[in-house]
PDB file of N, CA and C in Angstrom:
ATOM      1  N   MET A   1      15.898 -72.764 -46.795  1.00  0.00           N
ATOM      2  CA  MET A   1      15.632 -71.870 -47.792  1.00  0.00           C
ATOM      3  C   MET A   1      15.142 -70.625 -47.592  1.00  0.00           C
ATOM      4  N   ILE A   2      15.639 -69.417 -48.314  1.00  0.00           N
ATOM      5  CA  ILE A   2      15.136 -68.178 -48.041  1.00  0.00           C
ATOM      6  C   ILE A   2      14.316 -67.605 -49.324  1.00  0.00           C
ATOM      7  N   MET A   3      13.364 -66.987 -49.023  1.00  0.00           N
ATOM      8  CA  MET A   3      12.455 -66.338 -49.905  1.00  0.00           C
ATOM      9  C   MET A   3      12.575 -64.866 -49.869  1.00  0.00           C
ATOM     10  N   ILE A   4      12.672 -64.372 -51.162  1.00  0.00           N
ATOM     11  CA  ILE A   4      13.023 -62.959 -51.340  1.00  0.00           C
ATOM     12  C   ILE A   4      11.593 -62.396 -52.041  1.00  0.00           C
ATOM     13  N   GLY A   5      10.819 -61.634 -51.307  1.00  0.00           N
ATOM     14  CA  GLY A   5       9.511 -61.333 -51.940  1.00  0.00           C
ATOM     15  C   GLY A   5       9.635 -59.953 -52.756  1.00  0.00           C
ATOM     16  N   ALA A   6       8.463 -59.274 -52.904  1.00  0.00           N
ATOM     17  CA  ALA A   6       8.194 -58.099 -53.583  1.00  0.00           C
ATOM     18  C   ALA A   6       9.147 -57.079 -53.246  1.00  0.00           C
ATOM     19  N   ASN A   7       9.561 -56.892 -51.784  1.00  0.00           N
ATOM     20  CA  ASN A   7      10.339 -55.800 -51.522  1.00  0.00           C
ATOM     21  C   ASN A   7      11.743 -56.044 -51.732  1.00  0.00           C
ATOM     22  N   GLY A   8      12.038 -56.989 -52.362  1.00  0.00           N
ATOM     23  CA  GLY A   8      13.527 -57.225 -52.909  1.00  0.00           C
ATOM     24  C   GLY A   8      14.582 -57.378 -51.679  1.00  0.00           C
ATOM     25  N   VAL A   9      15.831 -57.192 -52.014  1.00  0.00           N
ATOM     26  CA  VAL A   9      16.870 -57.358 -51.119  1.00  0.00           C
ATOM     27  C   VAL A   9      16.906 -56.219 -49.926  1.00  0.00           C
ATOM     28  N   THR A  10      16.525 -56.541 -48.854  1.00  0.00           N
ATOM     29  CA  THR A  10      16.724 -55.302 -47.922  1.00  0.00           C
ATOM     30  C   THR A  10      17.756 -55.536 -46.949  1.00  0.00           C
ATOM     31  N   ASP A  11      18.123 -54.766 -46.091  1.00  0.00           N
ATOM     32  CA  ASP A  11      19.288 -55.006 -45.185  1.00  0.00           C
ATOM     33  C   ASP A  11      18.954 -56.219 -44.090  1.00  0.00           C
ATOM     34  N   SER A  12      17.635 -56.313 -43.896  1.00  0.00           N
ATOM     35  CA  SER A  12      17.333 -57.456 -42.908  1.00  0.00           C
ATOM     36  C   SER A  12      17.569 -58.792 -43.622  1.00  0.00           C
ATOM     37  N   VAL A  13      17.150 -58.790 -44.767  1.00  0.00           N
ATOM     38  CA  VAL A  13      17.254 -60.095 -45.680  1.00  0.00           C
ATOM     39  C   VAL A  13      18.900 -60.336 -45.747  1.00  0.00           C
ATOM     40  N   MET A  14      19.696 -59.266 -46.035  1.00  0.00           N
ATOM     41  CA  MET A  14      21.177 -59.461 -46.294  1.00  0.00           C
ATOM     42  C   MET A  14      21.725 -60.124 -45.058  1.00  0.00           C
ATOM     43  N   ALA A  15      21.267 -59.678 -43.834  1.00  0.00           N
ATOM     44  CA  ALA A  15      21.583 -60.025 -42.704  1.00  0.00           C
ATOM     45  C   ALA A  15      21.299 -61.423 -42.195  1.00  0.00           C
ATOM     46  N   GLU A  16      19.999 -61.749 -42.677  1.00  0.00           N
ATOM     47  CA  GLU A  16      19.516 -63.251 -42.492  1.00  0.00           C
ATOM     48  C   GLU A  16      20.458 -64.249 -43.454  1.00  0.00           C
ATOM     49  N   LEU A  17      20.634 -63.674 -44.774  1.00  0.00           N
ATOM     50  CA  LEU A  17      21.389 -64.497 -45.652  1.00  0.00           C
ATOM     51  C   LEU A  17      22.773 -64.664 -45.107  1.00  0.00           C
ATOM     52  N   ASP A  18      23.440 -63.696 -44.343  1.00  0.00           N
ATOM     53  CA  ASP A  18      24.792 -63.833 -43.997  1.00  0.00           C
ATOM     54  C   ASP A  18      24.888 -64.728 -42.871  1.00  0.00           C
ATOM     55  N   SER A  19      23.884 -64.585 -42.058  1.00  0.00           N
ATOM     56  CA  SER A  19      23.607 -65.421 -40.773  1.00  0.00           C
ATOM     57  C   SER A  19      23.659 -66.956 -41.189  1.00  0.00           C
ATOM     58  N   THR A  20      22.604 -67.140 -42.005  1.00  0.00           N
ATOM     59  CA  THR A  20      22.462 -68.421 -42.627  1.00  0.00           C
ATOM     60  C   THR A  20      23.534 -69.068 -43.324  1.00  0.00           C
ATOM     61  N   LEU A  21      24.457 -68.421 -44.118  1.00  0.00           N
ATOM     62  CA  LEU A  21      25.424 -68.824 -44.650  1.00  0.00           C
ATOM     63  C   LEU A  21      26.579 -69.319 -43.769  1.00  0.00           C
ATOM     64  N   THR A  22      26.688 -68.447 -42.706  1.00  0.00           N
ATOM     65  CA  THR A  22      27.568 -68.897 -41.570  1.00  0.00           C
ATOM     66  C   THR A  22      27.475 -70.219 -40.983  1.00  0.00           C
ATOM     67  N   HIS A  23      26.227 -70.554 -40.805  1.00  0.00           N
ATOM     68  CA  HIS A  23      25.762 -71.823 -40.168  1.00  0.00           C
ATOM     69  C   HIS A  23      25.670 -72.834 -41.099  1.00  0.00           C
ATOM     70  N   HIS A  24      25.359 -72.830 -42.257  1.00  0.00           N
ATOM     71  CA  HIS A  24      24.935 -73.923 -43.082  1.00  0.00           C
ATOM     72  C   HIS A  24      25.781 -73.882 -44.486  1.00  0.00           C
ATOM     73  N   GLU A  25      26.495 -72.814 -44.939  1.00  0.00           N
ATOM     74  CA  GLU A  25      27.446 -72.855 -45.914  1.00  0.00           C
ATOM     75  C   GLU A  25      26.708 -72.736 -47.338  1.00  0.00           C
ATOM     76  N   LEU A  26      25.653 -73.818 -47.536  1.00  0.00           N
ATOM     77  CA  LEU A  26      24.928 -73.966 -48.721  1.00  0.00           C
ATOM     78  C   LEU A  26      23.694 -73.403 -48.574  1.00  0.00           C
ATOM     79  N   LEU A  27      23.011 -72.600 -49.424  1.00  0.00           N
ATOM     80  CA  LEU A  27      21.759 -71.801 -49.270  1.00  0.00           C
ATOM     81  C   LEU A  27      21.019 -71.790 -50.488  1.00  0.00           C
ATOM     82  N   LYS A  28      19.691 -72.243 -50.426  1.00  0.00           N
ATOM     83  CA  LYS A  28      18.684 -72.127 -51.448  1.00  0.00           C
ATOM     84  C   LYS A  28      18.022 -70.901 -51.392  1.00  0.00           C
ATOM     85  N   ILE A  29      17.929 -70.120 -52.397  1.00  0.00           N
ATOM     86  CA  ILE A  29      17.222 -68.794 -52.174  1.00  0.00           C
ATOM     87  C   ILE A  29      16.074 -68.826 -53.473  1.00  0.00           C
ATOM     88  N   LYS A  30      14.855 -68.316 -53.137  1.00  0.00           N
ATOM     89  CA  LYS A  30      13.903 -68.270 -54.126  1.00  0.00           C
ATOM     90  C   LYS A  30      13.519 -66.811 -54.341  1.00  0.00           C
ATOM     91  N   ILE A  31      13.471 -66.390 -55.560  1.00  0.00           N
ATOM     92  CA  ILE A  31      13.340 -64.921 -55.778  1.00  0.00           C
ATOM     93  C   ILE A  31      11.941 -64.766 -56.432  1.00  0.00           C
ATOM     94  N   ALA A  32      11.064 -64.014 -55.899  1.00  0.00           N
ATOM     95  CA  ALA A  32       9.634 -63.888 -56.360  1.00  0.00           C
ATOM     96  C   ALA A  32       9.491 -62.945 -57.553  1.00  0.00           C
ATOM     97  N   SER A  33      10.405 -62.386 -58.168  1.00  0.00           N
ATOM     98  CA  SER A  33      10.250 -61.476 -59.295  1.00  0.00           C
ATOM     99  C   SER A  33      10.028 -62.443 -60.602  1.00  0.00           C
ATOM    100  N   ASN A  34       9.252 -61.961 -61.545  1.00  0.00           N
ATOM    101  CA  ASN A  34       8.954 -62.543 -62.665  1.00  0.00           C
ATOM    102  C   ASN A  34       9.845 -62.054 -63.758  1.00  0.00           C
ATOM    103  N   ASP A  35      10.691 -61.116 -63.611  1.00  0.00           N
ATOM    104  CA  ASP A  35      11.586 -60.398 -64.627  1.00  0.00           C
ATOM    105  C   ASP A  35      12.969 -61.056 -64.516  1.00  0.00           C
ATOM    106  N   ARG A  36      13.374 -61.840 -65.531  1.00  0.00           N
ATOM    107  CA  ARG A  36      14.584 -62.565 -65.657  1.00  0.00           C
ATOM    108  C   ARG A  36      15.658 -61.744 -65.327  1.00  0.00           C
ATOM    109  N   ILE A  37      15.784 -60.662 -65.901  1.00  0.00           N
ATOM    110  CA  ILE A  37      16.840 -59.603 -65.648  1.00  0.00           C
ATOM    111  C   ILE A  37      16.789 -59.094 -64.357  1.00  0.00           C
ATOM    112  N   GLU A  38      15.845 -58.905 -63.757  1.00  0.00           N
ATOM    113  CA  GLU A  38      15.773 -58.312 -62.318  1.00  0.00           C
ATOM    114  C   GLU A  38      16.315 -59.377 -61.474  1.00  0.00           C
ATOM    115  N   ARG A  39      15.963 -60.736 -61.677  1.00  0.00           N
ATOM    116  CA  ARG A  39      16.402 -61.920 -60.813  1.00  0.00           C
ATOM    117  C   ARG A  39      17.781 -62.024 -60.903  1.00  0.00           C
ATOM    118  N   ALA A  40      18.384 -61.802 -62.207  1.00  0.00           N
ATOM    119  CA  ALA A  40      19.799 -61.980 -62.264  1.00  0.00           C
ATOM    120  C   ALA A  40      20.552 -61.016 -61.484  1.00  0.00           C
ATOM    121  N   ALA A  41      20.026 -59.898 -61.601  1.00  0.00           N
ATOM    122  CA  ALA A  41      20.801 -58.731 -60.889  1.00  0.00           C
ATOM    123  C   ALA A  41      20.628 -58.907 -59.472  1.00  0.00           C
ATOM    124  N   THR A  42      19.611 -59.381 -58.862  1.00  0.00           N
ATOM    125  CA  THR A  42      19.385 -59.613 -57.468  1.00  0.00           C
ATOM    126  C   THR A  42      20.326 -60.722 -57.082  1.00  0.00           C
ATOM    127  N   VAL A  43      20.466 -61.731 -57.985  1.00  0.00           N
ATOM    128  CA  VAL A  43      21.501 -62.808 -57.547  1.00  0.00           C
ATOM    129  C   VAL A  43      22.775 -62.430 -57.559  1.00  0.00           C
ATOM    130  N   GLU A  44      23.313 -61.550 -58.392  1.00  0.00           N
ATOM    131  CA  GLU A  44      24.549 -60.843 -58.490  1.00  0.00           C
ATOM    132  C   GLU A  44      24.830 -59.969 -57.487  1.00  0.00           C
ATOM    133  N   HIS A  45      24.007 -59.415 -56.942  1.00  0.00           N
ATOM    134  CA  HIS A  45      24.116 -58.407 -55.787  1.00  0.00           C
ATOM    135  C   HIS A  45      24.341 -59.187 -54.447  1.00  0.00           C
ATOM    136  N   ILE A  46      23.484 -60.319 -54.321  1.00  0.00           N
ATOM    137  CA  ILE A  46      23.643 -61.374 -53.173  1.00  0.00           C
ATOM    138  C   ILE A  46      24.873 -61.784 -53.204  1.00  0.00           C
ATOM    139  N   VAL A  47      25.493 -62.415 -54.324  1.00  0.00           N
ATOM    140  CA  VAL A  47      26.710 -62.900 -54.466  1.00  0.00           C
ATOM    141  C   VAL A  47      27.849 -61.870 -53.966  1.00  0.00           C
ATOM    142  N   GLN A  48      27.844 -60.810 -54.461  1.00  0.00           N
ATOM    143  CA  GLN A  48      28.775 -59.754 -54.215  1.00  0.00           C
ATOM    144  C   GLN A  48      28.793 -59.281 -52.679  1.00  0.00           C
ATOM    145  N   GLN A  49      27.650 -59.221 -52.284  1.00  0.00           N
ATOM    146  CA  GLN A  49      27.418 -58.683 -50.891  1.00  0.00           C
ATOM    147  C   GLN A  49      27.866 -59.861 -49.751  1.00  0.00           C
ATOM    148  N   THR A  50      27.658 -61.004 -50.089  1.00  0.00           N
ATOM    149  CA  THR A  50      27.808 -62.126 -49.136  1.00  0.00           C
ATOM    150  C   THR A  50      29.210 -62.689 -49.415  1.00  0.00           C
ATOM    151  N   GLY A  51      29.830 -62.489 -50.548  1.00  0.00           N
ATOM    152  CA  GLY A  51      31.143 -63.142 -50.723  1.00  0.00           C
ATOM    153  C   GLY A  51      31.008 -64.635 -51.126  1.00  0.00           C
ATOM    154  N   ALA A  52      29.781 -65.086 -51.469  1.00  0.00           N
ATOM    155  CA  ALA A  52      29.635 -66.419 -51.727  1.00  0.00           C
ATOM    156  C   ALA A  52      29.759 -66.739 -53.108  1.00  0.00           C
ATOM    157  N   LEU A  53      29.738 -68.002 -53.582  1.00  0.00           N
ATOM    158  CA  LEU A  53      29.919 -68.481 -54.903  1.00  0.00           C
ATOM    159  C   LEU A  53      28.510 -68.872 -55.322  1.00  0.00           C
ATOM    160  N   LEU A  54      28.148 -68.491 -56.667  1.00  0.00           N
ATOM    161  CA  LEU A  54      26.958 -69.033 -57.403  1.00  0.00           C
ATOM    162  C   LEU A  54      27.145 -70.377 -57.629  1.00  0.00           C
ATOM    163  N   VAL A  55      26.343 -71.379 -57.099  1.00  0.00           N
ATOM    164  CA  VAL A  55      26.458 -72.711 -57.620  1.00  0.00           C
ATOM    165  C   VAL A  55      25.573 -73.024 -58.786  1.00  0.00           C
ATOM    166  N   GLN A  56      24.316 -72.607 -58.622  1.00  0.00           N
ATOM    167  CA  GLN A  56      23.352 -72.923 -59.595  1.00  0.00           C
ATOM    168  C   GLN A  56      22.159 -71.977 -59.655  1.00  0.00           C
ATOM    169  N   THR A  57      21.443 -71.725 -60.961  1.00  0.00           N
ATOM    170  CA  THR A  57      20.338 -70.936 -60.803  1.00  0.00           C
ATOM    171  C   THR A  57      19.398 -71.639 -61.878  1.00  0.00           C
ATOM    172  N   ILE A  58      18.124 -71.915 -61.415  1.00  0.00           N
ATOM    173  CA  ILE A  58      17.334 -72.743 -62.063  1.00  0.00           C
ATOM    174  C   ILE A  58      15.931 -71.748 -61.964  1.00  0.00           C
ATOM    175  N   GLY A  59      15.389 -71.128 -62.984  1.00  0.00           N
ATOM    176  CA  GLY A  59      14.278 -70.381 -62.850  1.00  0.00           C
ATOM    177  C   GLY A  59      14.286 -69.368 -61.857  1.00  0.00           C
ATOM    178  N   LYS A  60      13.424 -69.469 -60.854  1.00  0.00           N
ATOM    179  CA  LYS A  60      13.451 -68.270 -59.746  1.00  0.00           C
ATOM    180  C   LYS A  60      14.080 -68.778 -58.454  1.00  0.00           C
ATOM    181  N   THR A  61      14.873 -70.026 -58.680  1.00  0.00           N
ATOM    182  CA  THR A  61      15.703 -70.517 -57.572  1.00  0.00           C
ATOM    183  C   THR A  61      17.173 -70.382 -57.760  1.00  0.00           C
ATOM    184  N   CYS A  62      17.892 -69.873 -56.911  1.00  0.00           N
ATOM    185  CA  CYS A  62      19.396 -70.168 -56.932  1.00  0.00           C
ATOM    186  C   CYS A  62      19.980 -70.788 -55.713  1.00  0.00           C
ATOM    187  N   VAL A  63      21.155 -71.102 -55.789  1.00  0.00           N
ATOM    188  CA  VAL A  63      21.864 -71.921 -54.806  1.00  0.00           C
ATOM    189  C   VAL A  63      23.270 -71.197 -54.595  1.00  0.00           C
ATOM    190  N   ILE A  64      23.504 -70.741 -53.349  1.00  0.00           N
ATOM    191  CA  ILE A  64      24.878 -70.073 -53.278  1.00  0.00           C
ATOM    192  C   ILE A  64      25.570 -70.862 -52.109  1.00  0.00           C
ATOM    193  N   TYR A  65      27.043 -70.761 -52.154  1.00  0.00           N
ATOM    194  CA  TYR A  65      27.860 -71.473 -51.275  1.00  0.00           C
ATOM    195  C   TYR A  65      28.915 -70.621 -50.764  1.00  0.00           C
ATOM    196  N   ARG A  66      29.129 -70.595 -49.416  1.00  0.00           N
ATOM    197  CA  ARG A  66      30.252 -69.801 -48.904  1.00  0.00           C
ATOM    198  C   ARG A  66      30.839 -70.801 -47.742  1.00  0.00           C
ATOM    199  N   GLN A  67      32.255 -71.073 -47.962  1.00  0.00           N
ATOM    200  CA  GLN A  67      32.740 -71.883 -46.993  1.00  0.00           C
ATOM    201  C   GLN A  67      33.001 -71.270 -45.707  1.00  0.00           C
ATOM    202  N   ASN A  68      32.626 -72.078 -44.611  1.00  0.00           N
ATOM    203  CA  ASN A  68      32.905 -71.542 -43.297  1.00  0.00           C
ATOM    204  C   ASN A  68      34.267 -71.716 -42.973  1.00  0.00           C
ATOM    205  N   GLU A  69      34.856 -70.655 -42.379  1.00  0.00           N
ATOM    206  CA  GLU A  69      36.323 -70.939 -41.953  1.00  0.00           C
ATOM    207  C   GLU A  69      36.717 -72.087 -41.106  1.00  0.00           C
ATOM    208  N   GLU A  70      35.600 -72.392 -40.312  1.00  0.00           N
ATOM    209  CA  GLU A  70      35.760 -73.359 -39.089  1.00  0.00           C
ATOM    210  C   GLU A  70      35.436 -74.816 -39.597  1.00  0.00           C
ATOM    211  N   THR A  71      35.165 -75.101 -40.917  1.00  0.00           N
ATOM    212  CA  THR A  71      34.770 -76.357 -41.286  1.00  0.00           C
ATOM    213  C   THR A  71      35.765 -77.390 -41.139  1.00  0.00           C
ATOM    214  N   GLU A  72      35.290 -78.691 -41.046  1.00  0.00           N
ATOM    215  CA  GLU A  72      36.073 -79.650 -40.637  1.00  0.00           C
ATOM    216  C   GLU A  72      36.676 -80.465 -41.828  1.00  0.00           C
ATOM    217  N   LEU A  73      35.991 -80.330 -42.916  1.00  0.00           N
ATOM    218  CA  LEU A  73      36.300 -80.967 -44.285  1.00  0.00           C
ATOM    219  C   LEU A  73      36.535 -79.666 -45.307  1.00  0.00           C
ATOM    220  N   PRO A  74      37.640 -79.238 -45.318  1.00  0.00           N
ATOM    221  CA  PRO A  74      38.007 -78.131 -46.299  1.00  0.00           C
ATOM    222  C   PRO A  74      37.937 -78.712 -47.822  1.00  0.00           C
ATOM    223  N   LEU A  75      37.475 -77.821 -48.690  1.00  0.00           N
ATOM    224  CA  LEU A  75      37.318 -78.299 -50.181  1.00  0.00           C
ATOM    225  C   LEU A  75      38.716 -78.120 -50.652  1.00  0.00           C
ATOM    226  N   PRO A  76      39.089 -78.887 -51.705  1.00  0.00           N
ATOM    227  CA  PRO A  76      40.364 -78.784 -52.228  1.00  0.00           C
ATOM    228  C   PRO A  76      40.545 -77.396 -53.141  1.00  0.00           C
ATOM    229  N   LYS A  77      41.656 -76.879 -53.086  1.00  0.00           N
ATOM    230  CA  LYS A  77      41.775 -75.489 -53.853  1.00  0.00           C
ATOM    231  C   LYS A  77      42.336 -75.819 -55.161  1.00  0.00           C
ATOM    232  N   LYS A  78      42.017 -74.867 -56.006  1.00  0.00           N
ATOM    233  CA  LYS A  78      41.986 -75.034 -57.484  1.00  0.00           C
ATOM    234  C   LYS A  78      43.543 -74.582 -57.791  1.00  0.00           C
TER     235      LYS A  78
END
């Protein structure tokens, strides 16, 4: 799990998100903002910058997924 605090999404946070997605594919992110619109904008920014898919958002927590190209079990294509 990655927590995004009051400083928001910084370059170092984005680097950590990218690195973690490369290793784990599925990532839970907790956003500390109390403003629902600000949280939604933060999630959208993260999804666009990482190339991940938004799996779920519940309250202050979201789950994103980005398939690793070297995965042994590829997901079926739509």
